[in-house]
Amino acid sequence: MKLDQRAKADKGKPRLSLVPSEIIRCIAQIREYGQEKYGEQADHWDEVEIERYRDAAYRHLLNYIDNPKGIDTESGLPHLWHLACNVAFLCELEKRKDDENGKPEAN
């Protein structure tokens, strides 16, 4: 009797194919802009205070709400893309914090 190893190997792993690929492209373009603007400093995004990403995400969210097609004047890229990148940074930083301190608190 032969077991289906595909099902076993993937059990408990997130199905990354469920993530819309466009968000990855958008974040990549924002990161490329960051590389151009900040150079090597852009590689140290995880050393920035988390509050700065929260503030930036909020600013871009408000700009997006005011104008869903709005473009950031400095980068020339959509506010929505900046928002996605900031949220990605926040997700990663919060995950790292949780890994260091245990599970996140329930609200």
PDB file of N, CA and C in Angstrom:
ATOM      1  N   MET A   1       0.849  -1.183   0.000  1.00  0.00           N
ATOM      2  CA  MET A   1       0.000   0.000   0.000  1.00  0.00           C
ATOM      3  C   MET A   1       0.889   1.240   0.000  1.00  0.00           C
ATOM      4  N   LYS A   2       0.652   2.108  -0.952  1.00  0.00           N
ATOM      5  CA  LYS A   2       1.470   3.314  -1.098  1.00  0.00           C
ATOM      6  C   LYS A   2       0.678   4.525  -0.612  1.00  0.00           C
ATOM      7  N   LEU A   3       1.270   5.312   0.296  1.00  0.00           N
ATOM      8  CA  LEU A   3       0.623   6.513   0.822  1.00  0.00           C
ATOM      9  C   LEU A   3       0.877   7.697  -0.100  1.00  0.00           C
ATOM     10  N   ASP A   4      -0.073   8.617  -0.108  1.00  0.00           N
ATOM     11  CA  ASP A   4       0.075   9.845  -0.892  1.00  0.00           C
ATOM     12  C   ASP A   4       0.975  10.807  -0.115  1.00  0.00           C
ATOM     13  N   GLN A   5       2.239  10.882  -0.489  1.00  0.00           N
ATOM     14  CA  GLN A   5       3.218  11.707   0.224  1.00  0.00           C
ATOM     15  C   GLN A   5       2.985  13.201   0.034  1.00  0.00           C
ATOM     16  N   ARG A   6       2.328  13.587  -1.064  1.00  0.00           N
ATOM     17  CA  ARG A   6       2.076  15.008  -1.293  1.00  0.00           C
ATOM     18  C   ARG A   6       1.196  15.586  -0.193  1.00  0.00           C
ATOM     19  N   ALA A   7       0.140  14.897   0.143  1.00  0.00           N
ATOM     20  CA  ALA A   7      -0.771  15.384   1.180  1.00  0.00           C
ATOM     21  C   ALA A   7      -0.063  15.443   2.522  1.00  0.00           C
ATOM     22  N   LYS A   8       0.726  14.433   2.813  1.00  0.00           N
ATOM     23  CA  LYS A   8       1.439  14.381   4.085  1.00  0.00           C
ATOM     24  C   LYS A   8       2.479  15.504   4.175  1.00  0.00           C
ATOM     25  N   ALA A   9       3.226  15.719   3.117  1.00  0.00           N
ATOM     26  CA  ALA A   9       4.300  16.713   3.131  1.00  0.00           C
ATOM     27  C   ALA A   9       3.762  18.131   3.282  1.00  0.00           C
ATOM     28  N   ASP A  10       2.566  18.379   2.800  1.00  0.00           N
ATOM     29  CA  ASP A  10       2.006  19.729   2.838  1.00  0.00           C
ATOM     30  C   ASP A  10       1.102  19.981   4.034  1.00  0.00           C
ATOM     31  N   LYS A  11       0.831  18.957   4.820  1.00  0.00           N
ATOM     32  CA  LYS A  11      -0.084  19.123   5.946  1.00  0.00           C
ATOM     33  C   LYS A  11       0.454  20.159   6.935  1.00  0.00           C
ATOM     34  N   GLY A  12      -0.400  21.130   7.255  1.00  0.00           N
ATOM     35  CA  GLY A  12      -0.034  22.161   8.218  1.00  0.00           C
ATOM     36  C   GLY A  12       0.757  23.323   7.635  1.00  0.00           C
ATOM     37  N   LYS A  13       1.101  23.245   6.371  1.00  0.00           N
ATOM     38  CA  LYS A  13       1.851  24.331   5.733  1.00  0.00           C
ATOM     39  C   LYS A  13       0.871  25.277   5.046  1.00  0.00           C
ATOM     40  N   PRO A  14       1.144  26.576   5.103  1.00  0.00           N
ATOM     41  CA  PRO A  14       0.238  27.516   4.435  1.00  0.00           C
ATOM     42  C   PRO A  14       0.292  27.336   2.918  1.00  0.00           C
ATOM     43  N   ARG A  15      -0.858  27.477   2.292  1.00  0.00           N
ATOM     44  CA  ARG A  15      -0.949  27.379   0.831  1.00  0.00           C
ATOM     45  C   ARG A  15      -0.673  28.762   0.246  1.00  0.00           C
ATOM     46  N   LEU A  16       0.576  29.020  -0.018  1.00  0.00           N
ATOM     47  CA  LEU A  16       0.976  30.335  -0.507  1.00  0.00           C
ATOM     48  C   LEU A  16       0.363  30.667  -1.861  1.00  0.00           C
ATOM     49  N   SER A  17      -0.076  29.663  -2.579  1.00  0.00           N
ATOM     50  CA  SER A  17      -0.733  29.917  -3.865  1.00  0.00           C
ATOM     51  C   SER A  17      -2.073  30.621  -3.684  1.00  0.00           C
ATOM     52  N   LEU A  18      -2.575  30.678  -2.459  1.00  0.00           N
ATOM     53  CA  LEU A  18      -3.823  31.386  -2.186  1.00  0.00           C
ATOM     54  C   LEU A  18      -3.623  32.898  -2.096  1.00  0.00           C
ATOM     55  N   VAL A  19      -2.381  33.330  -1.948  1.00  0.00           N
ATOM     56  CA  VAL A  19      -2.082  34.760  -1.835  1.00  0.00           C
ATOM     57  C   VAL A  19      -2.082  35.368  -3.236  1.00  0.00           C
ATOM     58  N   PRO A  20      -2.845  36.442  -3.444  1.00  0.00           N
ATOM     59  CA  PRO A  20      -2.826  37.081  -4.762  1.00  0.00           C
ATOM     60  C   PRO A  20      -1.407  37.545  -5.114  1.00  0.00           C
ATOM     61  N   SER A  21      -0.939  37.155  -6.268  1.00  0.00           N
ATOM     62  CA  SER A  21       0.445  37.455  -6.648  1.00  0.00           C
ATOM     63  C   SER A  21       0.689  38.947  -6.853  1.00  0.00           C
ATOM     64  N   GLU A  22      -0.342  39.704  -7.156  1.00  0.00           N
ATOM     65  CA  GLU A  22      -0.153  41.134  -7.423  1.00  0.00           C
ATOM     66  C   GLU A  22       0.386  41.872  -6.197  1.00  0.00           C
ATOM     67  N   ILE A  23      -0.010  41.449  -5.003  1.00  0.00           N
ATOM     68  CA  ILE A  23       0.493  42.129  -3.801  1.00  0.00           C
ATOM     69  C   ILE A  23       2.001  41.940  -3.668  1.00  0.00           C
ATOM     70  N   ILE A  24       2.501  40.798  -4.075  1.00  0.00           N
ATOM     71  CA  ILE A  24       3.946  40.548  -4.030  1.00  0.00           C
ATOM     72  C   ILE A  24       4.656  41.495  -4.997  1.00  0.00           C
ATOM     73  N   ARG A  25       4.097  41.656  -6.188  1.00  0.00           N
ATOM     74  CA  ARG A  25       4.692  42.565  -7.175  1.00  0.00           C
ATOM     75  C   ARG A  25       4.679  44.013  -6.677  1.00  0.00           C
ATOM     76  N   CYS A  26       3.574  44.410  -6.062  1.00  0.00           N
ATOM     77  CA  CYS A  26       3.452  45.784  -5.552  1.00  0.00           C
ATOM     78  C   CYS A  26       4.473  46.054  -4.454  1.00  0.00           C
ATOM     79  N   ILE A  27       4.579  45.133  -3.520  1.00  0.00           N
ATOM     80  CA  ILE A  27       5.546  45.292  -2.431  1.00  0.00           C
ATOM     81  C   ILE A  27       6.967  45.306  -2.996  1.00  0.00           C
ATOM     82  N   ALA A  28       7.233  44.466  -3.969  1.00  0.00           N
ATOM     83  CA  ALA A  28       8.571  44.434  -4.577  1.00  0.00           C
ATOM     84  C   ALA A  28       8.920  45.784  -5.206  1.00  0.00           C
ATOM     85  N   GLN A  29       7.957  46.422  -5.849  1.00  0.00           N
ATOM     86  CA  GLN A  29       8.238  47.731  -6.455  1.00  0.00           C
ATOM     87  C   GLN A  29       8.512  48.789  -5.392  1.00  0.00           C
ATOM     88  N   ILE A  30       7.787  48.724  -4.288  1.00  0.00           N
ATOM     89  CA  ILE A  30       8.044  49.655  -3.181  1.00  0.00           C
ATOM     90  C   ILE A  30       9.430  49.399  -2.602  1.00  0.00           C
ATOM     91  N   ARG A  31       9.796  48.138  -2.456  1.00  0.00           N
ATOM     92  CA  ARG A  31      11.124  47.801  -1.921  1.00  0.00           C
ATOM     93  C   ARG A  31      12.228  48.273  -2.876  1.00  0.00           C
ATOM     94  N   GLU A  32      11.994  48.140  -4.185  1.00  0.00           N
ATOM     95  CA  GLU A  32      12.979  48.633  -5.153  1.00  0.00           C
ATOM     96  C   GLU A  32      13.133  50.145  -5.033  1.00  0.00           C
ATOM     97  N   TYR A  33      12.021  50.845  -4.854  1.00  0.00           N
ATOM     98  CA  TYR A  33      12.091  52.292  -4.638  1.00  0.00           C
ATOM     99  C   TYR A  33      12.904  52.580  -3.370  1.00  0.00           C
ATOM    100  N   GLY A  34      12.654  51.827  -2.312  1.00  0.00           N
ATOM    101  CA  GLY A  34      13.400  52.001  -1.065  1.00  0.00           C
ATOM    102  C   GLY A  34      14.889  51.766  -1.252  1.00  0.00           C
ATOM    103  N   GLN A  35      15.239  50.790  -2.075  1.00  0.00           N
ATOM    104  CA  GLN A  35      16.657  50.526  -2.360  1.00  0.00           C
ATOM    105  C   GLN A  35      17.294  51.724  -3.061  1.00  0.00           C
ATOM    106  N   GLU A  36      16.563  52.308  -4.006  1.00  0.00           N
ATOM    107  CA  GLU A  36      17.081  53.482  -4.717  1.00  0.00           C
ATOM    108  C   GLU A  36      17.215  54.678  -3.777  1.00  0.00           C
ATOM    109  N   LYS A  37      16.230  54.865  -2.911  1.00  0.00           N
ATOM    110  CA  LYS A  37      16.209  56.027  -2.021  1.00  0.00           C
ATOM    111  C   LYS A  37      17.208  55.899  -0.875  1.00  0.00           C
ATOM    112  N   TYR A  38      17.255  54.731  -0.247  1.00  0.00           N
ATOM    113  CA  TYR A  38      18.042  54.562   0.977  1.00  0.00           C
ATOM    114  C   TYR A  38      19.320  53.751   0.794  1.00  0.00           C
ATOM    115  N   GLY A  39      19.511  53.141  -0.355  1.00  0.00           N
ATOM    116  CA  GLY A  39      20.696  52.324  -0.568  1.00  0.00           C
ATOM    117  C   GLY A  39      20.737  51.139   0.382  1.00  0.00           C
ATOM    118  N   GLU A  40      21.923  50.877   0.930  1.00  0.00           N
ATOM    119  CA  GLU A  40      22.095  49.722   1.815  1.00  0.00           C
ATOM    120  C   GLU A  40      21.239  49.805   3.068  1.00  0.00           C
ATOM    121  N   GLN A  41      20.885  51.016   3.485  1.00  0.00           N
ATOM    122  CA  GLN A  41      20.033  51.168   4.668  1.00  0.00           C
ATOM    123  C   GLN A  41      18.702  50.457   4.489  1.00  0.00           C
ATOM    124  N   ALA A  42      18.234  50.344   3.255  1.00  0.00           N
ATOM    125  CA  ALA A  42      16.948  49.696   2.992  1.00  0.00           C
ATOM    126  C   ALA A  42      16.973  48.228   3.401  1.00  0.00           C
ATOM    127  N   ASP A  43      18.166  47.637   3.443  1.00  0.00           N
ATOM    128  CA  ASP A  43      18.286  46.241   3.858  1.00  0.00           C
ATOM    129  C   ASP A  43      18.098  46.072   5.362  1.00  0.00           C
ATOM    130  N   HIS A  44      18.097  47.173   6.088  1.00  0.00           N
ATOM    131  CA  HIS A  44      17.964  47.124   7.547  1.00  0.00           C
ATOM    132  C   HIS A  44      16.594  47.622   7.992  1.00  0.00           C
ATOM    133  N   TRP A  45      15.583  47.374   7.180  1.00  0.00           N
ATOM    134  CA  TRP A  45      14.221  47.831   7.492  1.00  0.00           C
ATOM    135  C   TRP A  45      13.749  47.290   8.835  1.00  0.00           C
ATOM    136  N   ASP A  46      14.265  46.126   9.226  1.00  0.00           N
ATOM    137  CA  ASP A  46      13.813  45.498  10.470  1.00  0.00           C
ATOM    138  C   ASP A  46      14.448  46.119  11.712  1.00  0.00           C
ATOM    139  N   GLU A  47      15.288  47.119  11.525  1.00  0.00           N
ATOM    140  CA  GLU A  47      15.881  47.826  12.659  1.00  0.00           C
ATOM    141  C   GLU A  47      15.169  49.150  12.931  1.00  0.00           C
ATOM    142  N   VAL A  48      14.164  49.452  12.129  1.00  0.00           N
ATOM    143  CA  VAL A  48      13.378  50.679  12.289  1.00  0.00           C
ATOM    144  C   VAL A  48      12.319  50.439  13.357  1.00  0.00           C
ATOM    145  N   GLU A  49      12.055  51.474  14.169  1.00  0.00           N
ATOM    146  CA  GLU A  49      11.025  51.344  15.207  1.00  0.00           C
ATOM    147  C   GLU A  49       9.684  51.006  14.583  1.00  0.00           C
ATOM    148  N   ILE A  50       8.995  50.070  15.183  1.00  0.00           N
ATOM    149  CA  ILE A  50       7.721  49.602  14.653  1.00  0.00           C
ATOM    150  C   ILE A  50       6.702  50.737  14.536  1.00  0.00           C
ATOM    151  N   GLU A  51       6.794  51.706  15.438  1.00  0.00           N
ATOM    152  CA  GLU A  51       5.839  52.823  15.416  1.00  0.00           C
ATOM    153  C   GLU A  51       5.954  53.640  14.129  1.00  0.00           C
ATOM    154  N   ARG A  52       7.134  53.708  13.560  1.00  0.00           N
ATOM    155  CA  ARG A  52       7.303  54.439  12.295  1.00  0.00           C
ATOM    156  C   ARG A  52       6.535  53.760  11.173  1.00  0.00           C
ATOM    157  N   TYR A  53       6.536  52.426  11.161  1.00  0.00           N
ATOM    158  CA  TYR A  53       5.764  51.700  10.146  1.00  0.00           C
ATOM    159  C   TYR A  53       4.264  51.838  10.392  1.00  0.00           C
ATOM    160  N   ARG A  54       3.865  51.849  11.649  1.00  0.00           N
ATOM    161  CA  ARG A  54       2.443  52.058  11.958  1.00  0.00           C
ATOM    162  C   ARG A  54       1.996  53.430  11.473  1.00  0.00           C
ATOM    163  N   ASP A  55       2.793  54.444  11.766  1.00  0.00           N
ATOM    164  CA  ASP A  55       2.454  55.805  11.330  1.00  0.00           C
ATOM    165  C   ASP A  55       2.410  55.903   9.805  1.00  0.00           C
ATOM    166  N   ALA A  56       3.402  55.328   9.143  1.00  0.00           N
ATOM    167  CA  ALA A  56       3.442  55.380   7.676  1.00  0.00           C
ATOM    168  C   ALA A  56       2.252  54.633   7.075  1.00  0.00           C
ATOM    169  N   ALA A  57       1.932  53.477   7.633  1.00  0.00           N
ATOM    170  CA  ALA A  57       0.780  52.714   7.140  1.00  0.00           C
ATOM    171  C   ALA A  57      -0.496  53.528   7.288  1.00  0.00           C
ATOM    172  N   TYR A  58      -0.633  54.185   8.425  1.00  0.00           N
ATOM    173  CA  TYR A  58      -1.837  54.978   8.673  1.00  0.00           C
ATOM    174  C   TYR A  58      -1.931  56.154   7.699  1.00  0.00           C
ATOM    175  N   ARG A  59      -0.808  56.833   7.466  1.00  0.00           N
ATOM    176  CA  ARG A  59      -0.802  57.946   6.510  1.00  0.00           C
ATOM    177  C   ARG A  59      -1.212  57.472   5.116  1.00  0.00           C
ATOM    178  N   HIS A  60      -0.623  56.358   4.678  1.00  0.00           N
ATOM    179  CA  HIS A  60      -0.956  55.845   3.345  1.00  0.00           C
ATOM    180  C   HIS A  60      -2.397  55.331   3.296  1.00  0.00           C
ATOM    181  N   LEU A  61      -2.884  54.767   4.385  1.00  0.00           N
ATOM    182  CA  LEU A  61      -4.283  54.331   4.428  1.00  0.00           C
ATOM    183  C   LEU A  61      -5.219  55.518   4.261  1.00  0.00           C
ATOM    184  N   LEU A  62      -4.956  56.596   4.994  1.00  0.00           N
ATOM    185  CA  LEU A  62      -5.807  57.783   4.885  1.00  0.00           C
ATOM    186  C   LEU A  62      -5.757  58.374   3.480  1.00  0.00           C
ATOM    187  N   ASN A  63      -4.568  58.403   2.889  1.00  0.00           N
ATOM    188  CA  ASN A  63      -4.452  58.891   1.513  1.00  0.00           C
ATOM    189  C   ASN A  63      -5.212  57.990   0.547  1.00  0.00           C
ATOM    190  N   TYR A  64      -5.143  56.695   0.767  1.00  0.00           N
ATOM    191  CA  TYR A  64      -5.863  55.747  -0.085  1.00  0.00           C
ATOM    192  C   TYR A  64      -7.373  55.916   0.067  1.00  0.00           C
ATOM    193  N   ILE A  65      -7.838  56.102   1.286  1.00  0.00           N
ATOM    194  CA  ILE A  65      -9.273  56.304   1.516  1.00  0.00           C
ATOM    195  C   ILE A  65      -9.745  57.576   0.820  1.00  0.00           C
ATOM    196  N   ASP A  66      -8.956  58.639   0.936  1.00  0.00           N
ATOM    197  CA  ASP A  66      -9.309  59.906   0.287  1.00  0.00           C
ATOM    198  C   ASP A  66      -9.325  59.788  -1.236  1.00  0.00           C
ATOM    199  N   ASN A  67      -8.400  58.996  -1.774  1.00  0.00           N
ATOM    200  CA  ASN A  67      -8.298  58.843  -3.226  1.00  0.00           C
ATOM    201  C   ASN A  67      -7.745  57.452  -3.532  1.00  0.00           C
ATOM    202  N   PRO A  68      -8.618  56.474  -3.792  1.00  0.00           N
ATOM    203  CA  PRO A  68      -8.162  55.102  -4.037  1.00  0.00           C
ATOM    204  C   PRO A  68      -7.137  54.958  -5.166  1.00  0.00           C
ATOM    205  N   LYS A  69      -7.084  55.896  -6.077  1.00  0.00           N
ATOM    206  CA  LYS A  69      -6.095  55.850  -7.167  1.00  0.00           C
ATOM    207  C   LYS A  69      -4.908  56.769  -6.884  1.00  0.00           C
ATOM    208  N   GLY A  70      -4.832  57.282  -5.647  1.00  0.00           N
ATOM    209  CA  GLY A  70      -3.812  58.256  -5.290  1.00  0.00           C
ATOM    210  C   GLY A  70      -2.391  57.733  -5.404  1.00  0.00           C
ATOM    211  N   ILE A  71      -1.519  58.637  -5.817  1.00  0.00           N
ATOM    212  CA  ILE A  71      -0.099  58.336  -6.009  1.00  0.00           C
ATOM    213  C   ILE A  71       0.715  59.143  -5.000  1.00  0.00           C
ATOM    214  N   ASP A  72       1.660  58.487  -4.358  1.00  0.00           N
ATOM    215  CA  ASP A  72       2.580  59.150  -3.443  1.00  0.00           C
ATOM    216  C   ASP A  72       3.458  60.104  -4.250  1.00  0.00           C
ATOM    217  N   THR A  73       3.492  61.373  -3.844  1.00  0.00           N
ATOM    218  CA  THR A  73       4.218  62.375  -4.628  1.00  0.00           C
ATOM    219  C   THR A  73       5.722  62.117  -4.658  1.00  0.00           C
ATOM    220  N   GLU A  74       6.274  61.591  -3.587  1.00  0.00           N
ATOM    221  CA  GLU A  74       7.724  61.372  -3.530  1.00  0.00           C
ATOM    222  C   GLU A  74       8.162  60.191  -4.398  1.00  0.00           C
ATOM    223  N   SER A  75       7.463  59.077  -4.283  1.00  0.00           N
ATOM    224  CA  SER A  75       7.885  57.863  -4.992  1.00  0.00           C
ATOM    225  C   SER A  75       7.263  57.713  -6.374  1.00  0.00           C
ATOM    226  N   GLY A  76       6.101  58.338  -6.569  1.00  0.00           N
ATOM    227  CA  GLY A  76       5.381  58.145  -7.820  1.00  0.00           C
ATOM    228  C   GLY A  76       4.644  56.818  -7.883  1.00  0.00           C
ATOM    229  N   LEU A  77       4.544  56.139  -6.745  1.00  0.00           N
ATOM    230  CA  LEU A  77       3.873  54.840  -6.664  1.00  0.00           C
ATOM    231  C   LEU A  77       2.597  54.974  -5.837  1.00  0.00           C
ATOM    232  N   PRO A  78       1.627  54.097  -6.059  1.00  0.00           N
ATOM    233  CA  PRO A  78       0.344  54.205  -5.359  1.00  0.00           C
ATOM    234  C   PRO A  78       0.465  54.101  -3.834  1.00  0.00           C
ATOM    235  N   HIS A  79      -0.362  54.884  -3.157  1.00  0.00           N
ATOM    236  CA  HIS A  79      -0.420  54.813  -1.692  1.00  0.00           C
ATOM    237  C   HIS A  79      -0.776  53.399  -1.235  1.00  0.00           C
ATOM    238  N   LEU A  80      -1.634  52.732  -1.985  1.00  0.00           N
ATOM    239  CA  LEU A  80      -2.043  51.376  -1.618  1.00  0.00           C
ATOM    240  C   LEU A  80      -0.845  50.434  -1.576  1.00  0.00           C
ATOM    241  N   TRP A  81       0.077  50.588  -2.492  1.00  0.00           N
ATOM    242  CA  TRP A  81       1.270  49.747  -2.503  1.00  0.00           C
ATOM    243  C   TRP A  81       2.153  50.035  -1.294  1.00  0.00           C
ATOM    244  N   HIS A  82       2.289  51.314  -0.953  1.00  0.00           N
ATOM    245  CA  HIS A  82       3.056  51.681   0.243  1.00  0.00           C
ATOM    246  C   HIS A  82       2.394  51.096   1.487  1.00  0.00           C
ATOM    247  N   LEU A  83       1.078  51.174   1.536  1.00  0.00           N
ATOM    248  CA  LEU A  83       0.337  50.602   2.657  1.00  0.00           C
ATOM    249  C   LEU A  83       0.622  49.107   2.764  1.00  0.00           C
ATOM    250  N   ALA A  84       0.562  48.395   1.645  1.00  0.00           N
ATOM    251  CA  ALA A  84       0.818  46.952   1.648  1.00  0.00           C
ATOM    252  C   ALA A  84       2.220  46.640   2.165  1.00  0.00           C
ATOM    253  N   CYS A  85       3.198  47.415   1.748  1.00  0.00           N
ATOM    254  CA  CYS A  85       4.578  47.187   2.183  1.00  0.00           C
ATOM    255  C   CYS A  85       4.727  47.436   3.680  1.00  0.00           C
ATOM    256  N   ASN A  86       4.133  48.519   4.160  1.00  0.00           N
ATOM    257  CA  ASN A  86       4.204  48.808   5.592  1.00  0.00           C
ATOM    258  C   ASN A  86       3.509  47.729   6.412  1.00  0.00           C
ATOM    259  N   VAL A  87       2.382  47.244   5.934  1.00  0.00           N
ATOM    260  CA  VAL A  87       1.676  46.167   6.638  1.00  0.00           C
ATOM    261  C   VAL A  87       2.520  44.891   6.620  1.00  0.00           C
ATOM    262  N   ALA A  88       3.195  44.615   5.511  1.00  0.00           N
ATOM    263  CA  ALA A  88       4.079  43.448   5.448  1.00  0.00           C
ATOM    264  C   ALA A  88       5.202  43.566   6.477  1.00  0.00           C
ATOM    265  N   PHE A  89       5.804  44.757   6.576  1.00  0.00           N
ATOM    266  CA  PHE A  89       6.839  44.970   7.589  1.00  0.00           C
ATOM    267  C   PHE A  89       6.276  44.760   8.987  1.00  0.00           C
ATOM    268  N   LEU A  90       5.094  45.309   9.242  1.00  0.00           N
ATOM    269  CA  LEU A  90       4.472  45.166  10.559  1.00  0.00           C
ATOM    270  C   LEU A  90       4.184  43.706  10.881  1.00  0.00           C
ATOM    271  N   CYS A  91       3.676  42.960   9.911  1.00  0.00           N
ATOM    272  CA  CYS A  91       3.405  41.536  10.137  1.00  0.00           C
ATOM    273  C   CYS A  91       4.683  40.796  10.514  1.00  0.00           C
ATOM    274  N   GLU A  92       5.752  41.076   9.792  1.00  0.00           N
ATOM    275  CA  GLU A  92       7.022  40.403  10.068  1.00  0.00           C
ATOM    276  C   GLU A  92       7.579  40.796  11.435  1.00  0.00           C
ATOM    277  N   LEU A  93       7.553  42.077  11.747  1.00  0.00           N
ATOM    278  CA  LEU A  93       8.093  42.532  13.034  1.00  0.00           C
ATOM    279  C   LEU A  93       7.273  41.999  14.203  1.00  0.00           C
ATOM    280  N   GLU A  94       5.952  41.983  14.060  1.00  0.00           N
ATOM    281  CA  GLU A  94       5.098  41.441  15.131  1.00  0.00           C
ATOM    282  C   GLU A  94       5.336  39.943  15.297  1.00  0.00           C
ATOM    283  N   LYS A  95       5.521  39.223  14.189  1.00  0.00           N
ATOM    284  CA  LYS A  95       5.800  37.784  14.262  1.00  0.00           C
ATOM    285  C   LYS A  95       7.107  37.538  14.992  1.00  0.00           C
ATOM    286  N   ARG A  96       8.117  38.304  14.669  1.00  0.00           N
ATOM    287  CA  ARG A  96       9.411  38.143  15.344  1.00  0.00           C
ATOM    288  C   ARG A  96       9.285  38.436  16.834  1.00  0.00           C
ATOM    289  N   LYS A  97       8.516  39.484  17.156  1.00  0.00           N
ATOM    290  CA  LYS A  97       8.311  39.832  18.564  1.00  0.00           C
ATOM    291  C   LYS A  97       7.589  38.699  19.284  1.00  0.00           C
ATOM    292  N   ASP A  98       6.573  38.127  18.641  1.00  0.00           N
ATOM    293  CA  ASP A  98       5.837  37.009  19.231  1.00  0.00           C
ATOM    294  C   ASP A  98       6.743  35.800  19.418  1.00  0.00           C
ATOM    295  N   ASP A  99       7.607  35.536  18.435  1.00  0.00           N
ATOM    296  CA  ASP A  99       8.533  34.410  18.539  1.00  0.00           C
ATOM    297  C   ASP A  99       9.469  34.579  19.729  1.00  0.00           C
ATOM    298  N   GLU A 100       9.858  35.821  20.002  1.00  0.00           N
ATOM    299  CA  GLU A 100      10.754  36.092  21.130  1.00  0.00           C
ATOM    300  C   GLU A 100      10.024  36.043  22.469  1.00  0.00           C
ATOM    301  N   ASN A 101       8.780  36.528  22.484  1.00  0.00           N
ATOM    302  CA  ASN A 101       8.057  36.705  23.749  1.00  0.00           C
ATOM    303  C   ASN A 101       6.933  35.711  23.983  1.00  0.00           C
ATOM    304  N   GLY A 102       6.714  34.789  23.088  1.00  0.00           N
ATOM    305  CA  GLY A 102       5.581  33.878  23.228  1.00  0.00           C
ATOM    306  C   GLY A 102       4.430  34.314  22.350  1.00  0.00           C
ATOM    307  N   LYS A 103       3.293  33.712  22.569  1.00  0.00           N
ATOM    308  CA  LYS A 103       2.101  33.943  21.736  1.00  0.00           C
ATOM    309  C   LYS A 103       1.587  35.373  21.867  1.00  0.00           C
ATOM    310  N   PRO A 104       0.924  35.880  20.799  1.00  0.00           N
ATOM    311  CA  PRO A 104       0.325  37.219  20.892  1.00  0.00           C
ATOM    312  C   PRO A 104      -0.858  37.227  21.844  1.00  0.00           C
ATOM    313  N   GLU A 105      -1.132  38.407  22.383  1.00  0.00           N
ATOM    314  CA  GLU A 105      -2.266  38.554  23.294  1.00  0.00           C
ATOM    315  C   GLU A 105      -3.562  38.583  22.505  1.00  0.00           C
ATOM    316  N   ALA A 106      -4.593  37.935  23.044  1.00  0.00           N
ATOM    317  CA  ALA A 106      -5.919  37.973  22.416  1.00  0.00           C
ATOM    318  C   ALA A 106      -6.634  39.242  22.849  1.00  0.00           C
ATOM    319  N   ASN A 107      -7.404  39.824  21.948  1.00  0.00           N
ATOM    320  CA  ASN A 107      -8.182  41.031  22.272  1.00  0.00           C
ATOM    321  C   ASN A 107      -9.601  40.665  22.570  1.00  0.00           C
TER     322      ASN A 107
END
